[in-house]
Amino acid sequence: MGLNADLVPGRRWLAIGHRLIGRIGDVADSLPSDTFEAVVLPHLDAAHNLARWLMRDAASAEDVLQEAMLRALTYFPSFKGVNPRGWLLQIVRNTAYASMSLNRGVELVPMTNASDEPDDAVSRLPSSDDDPETSLIKTRERDRVRRMIAALPIELRETLVLRELEELSYKEIAEVTRMPIGTVMSRLWRARRLLAQAARRDEAA
């Protein structure tokens, strides 16, 4: 079972980015915001996707993303300019885990309902070349895989998302998660195995 860009929860980085810059820009007027926008905003789509998959809730993910962007803007003067995507994703991950720690015991709603998906109609729309039956099958398959990924333990879910959806290397994932490469590879293997098992159970049901 392959994973593809259709599974990515959101493609709204440009609108979100400018909205966030507008909200947090006044707290860091002395920082090089033009440079920040040029370096960081191109990776905001990936940041939003990671926040959604970690939090499994649209509102919580938006809060995490806003806080992460504020942190990124604050830390930007010390950024060495190497791998801005990985740098931003690490901040998003740390912010998400901090949020979950503060809200321990609060159950987040999994991404199982179409109404809880981001405003990304393109990812849910079938190709114009598909007949209605094929379109329905594709839509159901995407929703099914989304549910299975969302059900994975968080440490496996984040590894799978970073590798298969964001296409990070093992080294980049290790840097984002601060885990040894061997641990990254082990988690990815376990995530793929659990996903395959879930798919077989679903098909047999």
Foldseek 3Di string as FASTA:
>chain_A
DADEQLLQQDDPLVVLVVVLCVVQVVVCVVAPVVVCCVLASVLSSVLLSLLCLLQQFNVSSSVLSSVLVNVCRVCVVVDPSPPNNLVSLLSSVVSSVVVCVVVPPDDGHHNQDPVRGPPDVVSQADDPPDDPVVSVVVNVVSSLLSRQLSPDPSVLSSLCCCCRNVNDDLVSVCSSVVHDSVVSVVSPVVSVVSSVVSVVVVVVD
